[in-house]
Amino acid sequence: MGVAMSKTNIVVLVSGGGTNLQALIDAEKRGELGNGEITCVISSKEGAYALTRAEENNIKTRTLIRKDFSDIASYSKAMKALLIEEQADLIVYAGFMTILDENVCDTFKNKMINVHPALIPSFCGKGFYGLHVHECALEKGVKVSGATVHFVTPECDAGPIILQKAVEVRQGDTPETLQQRIMEEAEWNILPEAVKLF
């Protein structure tokens, strides 16, 4: 008799629209997450569209509103309790805009991954998120940008790199067009792939 692979509970942390969450949901439907199953989506903002995406796919949702907490330490403590309660085996940051402290990072060491819309070590660290990353890349005149999936550590964007994918920067790109191409060609491919590797 074959031994059934135990499933990996994936908890996805979101703050916004959830395009990377959608890429993960689609990959799971195609059977591309190995034994991973998205069991819960937790948002740091009320009414984030990512929650709607989760609900439409019958995935449990929870909210832990960042501004309800006076500081990162108390927010991180509450998040850690939630993640333990949800029996998270793997935690995926999908446009999650809060840096959690070492309290969470140590508890889930090498079990938290993030996708960053640039080739780390370029255009990363505190303040580099959203369109700002792409504005900086275009200002510098880089010919190649892309996305990186890395382990989350208490230091922003500093964890070990798991996967990277380069994307060509084209003449006449705006931060918006570059952002879209990086999502389509890199983020939405390497994030599910990294989850499957896990």
Protein backbone atom coordinates (compact mmCIF):
# COMPACT_ATOMS: atom_id res chain seq x y z
CA MET A 1 0.00 0.00 0.00
CA GLY A 2 1.26 3.45 -0.93
CA VAL A 3 1.72 5.95 1.83
CA ALA A 4 -0.48 9.00 1.32
CA MET A 5 1.48 12.23 1.29
CA SER A 6 0.30 14.42 4.12
CA LYS A 7 -0.94 17.73 2.84
CA THR A 8 0.87 20.98 3.43
CA ASN A 9 -1.38 23.71 4.86
CA ILE A 10 -0.65 26.93 3.02
CA VAL A 11 -1.74 30.18 4.64
CA VAL A 12 -1.58 33.19 2.34
CA LEU A 13 -1.12 36.69 3.79
CA VAL A 14 -2.58 39.54 1.73
CA SER A 15 -3.20 43.28 1.91
CA GLY A 16 -4.72 44.14 -1.45
CA GLY A 17 -6.07 42.88 -4.73
CA GLY A 18 -4.63 39.40 -4.51
CA THR A 19 -3.31 38.83 -8.03
CA ASN A 20 -0.55 36.58 -6.67
CA LEU A 21 -3.13 34.77 -4.54
CA GLN A 22 -5.13 34.17 -7.75
CA ALA A 23 -2.02 32.73 -9.42
CA LEU A 24 -1.67 30.32 -6.48
CA ILE A 25 -5.36 29.37 -6.55
CA ASP A 26 -5.14 28.69 -10.30
CA ALA A 27 -1.96 26.64 -9.85
CA GLU A 28 -3.63 24.59 -7.11
CA LYS A 29 -6.62 23.92 -9.39
CA ARG A 30 -4.21 22.68 -12.07
CA GLY A 31 -2.59 20.38 -9.51
CA GLU A 32 0.67 22.34 -9.60
CA LEU A 33 1.19 22.91 -5.87
CA GLY A 34 2.27 19.35 -5.14
CA ASN A 35 0.64 18.33 -1.86
CA GLY A 36 0.06 21.97 -0.91
CA GLU A 37 -3.43 23.21 -0.21
CA ILE A 38 -4.42 26.82 0.46
CA THR A 39 -6.33 26.46 3.72
CA CYS A 40 -6.67 30.08 4.81
CA VAL A 41 -6.17 33.65 3.56
CA ILE A 42 -5.44 36.33 6.15
CA SER A 43 -5.71 40.01 5.24
CA SER A 44 -4.16 42.98 7.06
CA LYS A 45 -6.86 45.24 5.59
CA GLU A 46 -10.62 45.06 5.73
CA GLY A 47 -12.36 44.67 2.38
CA ALA A 48 -9.20 43.67 0.47
CA TYR A 49 -10.26 42.21 -2.90
CA ALA A 50 -8.04 39.21 -2.17
CA LEU A 51 -10.63 38.13 0.44
CA THR A 52 -13.31 38.07 -2.26
CA ARG A 53 -11.06 35.90 -4.46
CA ALA A 54 -10.58 33.48 -1.57
CA GLU A 55 -14.32 33.35 -0.75
CA GLU A 56 -15.19 32.70 -4.40
CA ASN A 57 -12.90 29.66 -4.22
CA ASN A 58 -14.27 28.41 -0.90
CA ILE A 59 -11.09 29.22 1.01
CA LYS A 60 -11.42 30.27 4.65
CA THR A 61 -10.67 33.96 5.23
CA ARG A 62 -9.65 35.92 8.30
CA THR A 63 -8.71 39.54 8.85
CA LEU A 64 -6.17 40.88 11.28
CA ILE A 65 -6.28 44.62 10.77
CA ARG A 66 -2.87 46.23 11.09
CA LYS A 67 -4.20 49.56 12.29
CA ASP A 68 -6.06 47.92 15.20
CA PHE A 69 -2.66 47.34 16.83
CA SER A 70 -0.45 49.99 18.38
CA ASP A 71 2.83 48.49 17.15
CA ILE A 72 4.44 45.74 15.09
CA ALA A 73 5.24 43.65 18.18
CA SER A 74 1.59 43.33 19.25
CA TYR A 75 0.46 42.76 15.65
CA SER A 76 3.14 40.09 15.14
CA LYS A 77 2.12 38.35 18.36
CA ALA A 78 -1.52 38.22 17.24
CA MET A 79 -0.51 37.00 13.77
CA LYS A 80 1.69 34.29 15.25
CA ALA A 81 -1.25 33.04 17.34
CA LEU A 82 -3.48 33.02 14.25
CA LEU A 83 -0.92 31.12 12.16
CA ILE A 84 -0.50 28.50 14.88
CA GLU A 85 -4.27 28.19 15.18
CA GLU A 86 -4.53 27.68 11.41
CA GLN A 87 -1.78 25.01 11.57
CA ALA A 88 0.23 26.76 8.89
CA ASP A 89 2.98 24.65 7.35
CA LEU A 90 3.89 27.28 4.80
CA ILE A 91 3.11 30.99 4.90
CA VAL A 92 3.10 32.90 1.63
CA TYR A 93 3.24 36.68 1.49
CA ALA A 94 1.18 37.68 -1.55
CA GLY A 95 1.22 41.46 -1.55
CA PHE A 96 1.28 41.52 2.24
CA MET A 97 2.49 44.97 3.24
CA THR A 98 3.48 44.46 6.88
CA ILE A 99 6.88 43.33 8.07
CA LEU A 100 6.39 40.90 10.96
CA ASP A 101 9.00 40.75 13.72
CA GLU A 102 11.40 37.96 14.70
CA ASN A 103 8.77 36.51 17.03
CA VAL A 104 6.91 35.21 13.95
CA CYS A 105 9.98 34.70 11.75
CA ASP A 106 11.69 32.50 14.37
CA THR A 107 8.56 30.41 15.00
CA PHE A 108 8.13 29.77 11.27
CA LYS A 109 11.79 29.82 10.24
CA ASN A 110 12.20 28.80 6.58
CA LYS A 111 8.42 28.37 6.34
CA MET A 112 7.59 31.91 5.20
CA ILE A 113 8.12 33.02 1.62
CA ASN A 114 7.58 36.31 -0.17
CA VAL A 115 7.58 37.37 -3.79
CA HIS A 116 9.33 40.66 -4.53
CA PRO A 117 8.89 42.45 -7.89
CA ALA A 118 12.60 42.92 -8.65
CA LEU A 119 15.79 40.90 -8.85
CA ILE A 120 17.12 41.06 -5.30
CA PRO A 121 19.56 42.59 -4.26
CA SER A 122 18.38 45.35 -6.63
CA PHE A 123 15.47 47.62 -5.68
CA CYS A 124 14.62 45.95 -2.40
CA GLY A 125 14.43 46.66 1.30
CA LYS A 126 12.35 49.10 3.28
CA GLY A 127 10.18 51.36 1.15
CA PHE A 128 10.56 49.28 -2.01
CA TYR A 129 7.10 47.99 -2.78
CA GLY A 130 4.41 48.36 -5.41
CA LEU A 131 4.98 50.75 -8.29
CA HIS A 132 7.88 52.44 -6.49
CA VAL A 133 10.09 49.42 -7.27
CA HIS A 134 9.39 49.78 -11.00
CA GLU A 135 9.79 53.57 -10.96
CA CYS A 136 13.27 53.13 -9.48
CA ALA A 137 14.19 50.43 -11.98
CA LEU A 138 13.18 52.68 -14.90
CA GLU A 139 14.99 55.69 -13.40
CA LYS A 140 18.17 53.64 -13.20
CA GLY A 141 17.70 52.53 -16.80
CA VAL A 142 18.10 48.82 -16.12
CA LYS A 143 17.57 46.58 -19.16
CA VAL A 144 16.38 43.64 -17.09
CA SER A 145 14.22 43.44 -14.02
CA GLY A 146 12.07 40.58 -12.77
CA ALA A 147 10.89 38.93 -9.59
CA THR A 148 12.40 37.04 -6.67
CA VAL A 149 10.85 34.53 -4.29
CA HIS A 150 12.76 34.45 -1.02
CA PHE A 151 12.44 33.26 2.57
CA VAL A 152 11.11 35.90 4.95
CA THR A 153 13.40 37.06 7.77
CA PRO A 154 12.90 39.97 10.18
CA GLU A 155 15.01 42.12 7.86
CA CYS A 156 13.01 43.30 4.84
CA ASP A 157 13.79 41.41 1.59
CA ALA A 158 16.99 39.97 3.07
CA GLY A 159 16.15 36.27 3.37
CA PRO A 160 17.73 33.50 1.28
CA ILE A 161 16.64 33.52 -2.36
CA ILE A 162 14.61 30.54 -3.59
CA LEU A 163 13.85 31.44 -7.23
CA GLN A 164 14.36 34.37 -9.56
CA LYS A 165 13.11 35.11 -13.04
CA ALA A 166 14.34 37.91 -15.25
CA VAL A 167 12.02 40.02 -17.38
CA GLU A 168 13.12 42.34 -20.17
CA VAL A 169 12.59 46.06 -19.68
CA ARG A 170 11.31 47.52 -22.94
CA GLN A 171 11.70 50.89 -24.57
CA GLY A 172 8.80 53.11 -23.56
CA ASP A 173 7.88 51.08 -20.47
CA THR A 174 5.99 52.88 -17.73
CA PRO A 175 6.05 51.68 -14.12
CA GLU A 176 2.56 50.26 -14.79
CA THR A 177 3.46 48.32 -17.95
CA LEU A 178 6.63 46.97 -16.34
CA GLN A 179 4.71 45.96 -13.21
CA GLN A 180 2.14 44.08 -15.31
CA ARG A 181 4.78 42.26 -17.40
CA ILE A 182 6.74 41.24 -14.30
CA MET A 183 3.58 39.88 -12.68
CA GLU A 184 2.53 37.94 -15.78
CA GLU A 185 5.94 36.63 -16.84
CA ALA A 186 7.66 36.18 -13.49
CA GLU A 187 5.67 36.51 -10.25
CA TRP A 188 2.71 34.37 -11.26
CA ASN A 189 5.07 31.61 -12.44
CA ILE A 190 7.79 31.46 -9.80
CA LEU A 191 5.55 31.88 -6.75
CA PRO A 192 3.55 28.66 -7.37
CA GLU A 193 6.80 26.93 -8.40
CA ALA A 194 8.48 27.90 -5.11
CA VAL A 195 5.44 26.67 -3.17
CA LYS A 196 5.63 23.34 -4.98
CA LEU A 197 9.36 23.04 -4.20
CA PHE A 198 8.53 23.46 -0.54
